[in-house]
Amino acid sequence: MAGIKDKFDKAYEEKSIEELADAPVAALQGVSDGDAEHLKAAFNITTVRDLGTNKFFLWAQATAKLAE
């Protein structure tokens, strides 16, 4: 799990995996508050869990994997 926690802002590094999943998208390193607002407006994504389970992002990930 250490490989996941270091992908989050410092304030979230000691959180449980459940807390990380329910954290706001901006808790991910490199995702700004502005980026999070765009994700909310375009896809109704407000949490890391929402982002990870969004069908469009899953389709894009599957396509990229198949293209490898």
C-alpha atoms as a PDB file:
ATOM      1  CA  MET A   1       0.000   0.000   0.000  1.00  0.00           C
ATOM      2  CA  ALA A   2       2.997   2.294   0.366  1.00  0.00           C
ATOM      3  CA  GLY A   3       3.019   2.580  -3.425  1.00  0.00           C
ATOM      4  CA  ILE A   4      -0.453   4.135  -3.361  1.00  0.00           C
ATOM      5  CA  LYS A   5      -0.127   6.418  -0.368  1.00  0.00           C
ATOM      6  CA  ASP A   6       2.799   8.300  -1.874  1.00  0.00           C
ATOM      7  CA  LYS A   7       0.546   9.300  -4.766  1.00  0.00           C
ATOM      8  CA  PHE A   8      -1.495  11.475  -2.402  1.00  0.00           C
ATOM      9  CA  ASP A   9      -0.775  14.861  -0.864  1.00  0.00           C
ATOM     10  CA  LYS A  10       1.143  14.699   2.391  1.00  0.00           C
ATOM     11  CA  ALA A  11      -1.982  15.316   4.510  1.00  0.00           C
ATOM     12  CA  TYR A  12      -3.418  12.002   3.254  1.00  0.00           C
ATOM     13  CA  GLU A  13      -0.357   9.751   3.520  1.00  0.00           C
ATOM     14  CA  GLU A  14      -1.410   8.303   6.896  1.00  0.00           C
ATOM     15  CA  LYS A  15      -5.051   7.648   5.944  1.00  0.00           C
ATOM     16  CA  SER A  16      -6.527   4.182   5.515  1.00  0.00           C
ATOM     17  CA  ILE A  17      -7.272   2.878   2.038  1.00  0.00           C
ATOM     18  CA  GLU A  18     -10.990   3.471   2.663  1.00  0.00           C
ATOM     19  CA  GLU A  19     -10.295   7.079   3.637  1.00  0.00           C
ATOM     20  CA  LEU A  20      -8.147   7.522   0.532  1.00  0.00           C
ATOM     21  CA  ALA A  21     -10.930   6.206  -1.695  1.00  0.00           C
ATOM     22  CA  ASP A  22     -13.360   8.698  -0.175  1.00  0.00           C
ATOM     23  CA  ALA A  23     -10.872  11.586  -0.263  1.00  0.00           C
ATOM     24  CA  PRO A  24     -11.503  14.505  -2.602  1.00  0.00           C
ATOM     25  CA  VAL A  25      -9.911  14.156  -6.033  1.00  0.00           C
ATOM     26  CA  ALA A  26      -7.603  17.090  -5.252  1.00  0.00           C
ATOM     27  CA  ALA A  27      -5.957  14.895  -2.580  1.00  0.00           C
ATOM     28  CA  LEU A  28      -4.103  13.156  -5.422  1.00  0.00           C
ATOM     29  CA  GLN A  29      -0.694  14.633  -6.119  1.00  0.00           C
ATOM     30  CA  GLY A  30      -0.834  16.767  -9.232  1.00  0.00           C
ATOM     31  CA  VAL A  31      -4.600  17.313  -9.196  1.00  0.00           C
ATOM     32  CA  SER A  32      -5.381  20.936  -8.432  1.00  0.00           C
ATOM     33  CA  ASP A  33      -8.569  22.318  -6.938  1.00  0.00           C
ATOM     34  CA  GLY A  34      -9.341  23.686 -10.396  1.00  0.00           C
ATOM     35  CA  ASP A  35      -8.875  20.247 -11.966  1.00  0.00           C
ATOM     36  CA  ALA A  36     -11.194  18.800  -9.321  1.00  0.00           C
ATOM     37  CA  GLU A  37     -13.842  21.413 -10.140  1.00  0.00           C
ATOM     38  CA  HIS A  38     -13.648  20.498 -13.838  1.00  0.00           C
ATOM     39  CA  LEU A  39     -14.059  16.793 -13.029  1.00  0.00           C
ATOM     40  CA  LYS A  40     -17.054  17.610 -10.858  1.00  0.00           C
ATOM     41  CA  ALA A  41     -18.688  19.781 -13.510  1.00  0.00           C
ATOM     42  CA  ALA A  42     -18.039  17.423 -16.421  1.00  0.00           C
ATOM     43  CA  PHE A  43     -18.431  14.001 -14.824  1.00  0.00           C
ATOM     44  CA  ASN A  44     -19.869  14.536 -11.320  1.00  0.00           C
ATOM     45  CA  ILE A  45     -16.606  13.166  -9.883  1.00  0.00           C
ATOM     46  CA  THR A  46     -15.869  14.406  -6.368  1.00  0.00           C
ATOM     47  CA  THR A  47     -13.883  11.572  -4.757  1.00  0.00           C
ATOM     48  CA  VAL A  48     -10.979   9.325  -5.681  1.00  0.00           C
ATOM     49  CA  ARG A  49     -13.457   6.420  -5.689  1.00  0.00           C
ATOM     50  CA  ASP A  50     -15.643   8.282  -8.209  1.00  0.00           C
ATOM     51  CA  LEU A  51     -12.625   8.841 -10.429  1.00  0.00           C
ATOM     52  CA  GLY A  52     -11.502   5.222 -10.220  1.00  0.00           C
ATOM     53  CA  THR A  53     -14.910   3.829 -11.073  1.00  0.00           C
ATOM     54  CA  ASN A  54     -15.970   6.287 -13.775  1.00  0.00           C
ATOM     55  CA  LYS A  55     -16.917   4.312 -16.883  1.00  0.00           C
ATOM     56  CA  PHE A  56     -15.212   6.701 -19.291  1.00  0.00           C
ATOM     57  CA  PHE A  57     -11.908   6.496 -17.441  1.00  0.00           C
ATOM     58  CA  LEU A  58     -12.233   2.701 -17.193  1.00  0.00           C
ATOM     59  CA  TRP A  59     -12.908   2.468 -20.946  1.00  0.00           C
ATOM     60  CA  ALA A  60      -9.890   4.645 -21.697  1.00  0.00           C
ATOM     61  CA  GLN A  61      -7.686   2.549 -19.397  1.00  0.00           C
ATOM     62  CA  ALA A  62      -8.872  -0.699 -21.007  1.00  0.00           C
ATOM     63  CA  THR A  63      -8.238   0.693 -24.483  1.00  0.00           C
ATOM     64  CA  ALA A  64      -4.727   1.802 -23.544  1.00  0.00           C
ATOM     65  CA  LYS A  65      -3.971  -1.631 -22.025  1.00  0.00           C
ATOM     66  CA  LEU A  66      -5.241  -3.461 -25.101  1.00  0.00           C
ATOM     67  CA  ALA A  67      -3.115  -1.203 -27.309  1.00  0.00           C
ATOM     68  CA  GLU A  68       0.042  -2.312 -25.457  1.00  0.00           C
END
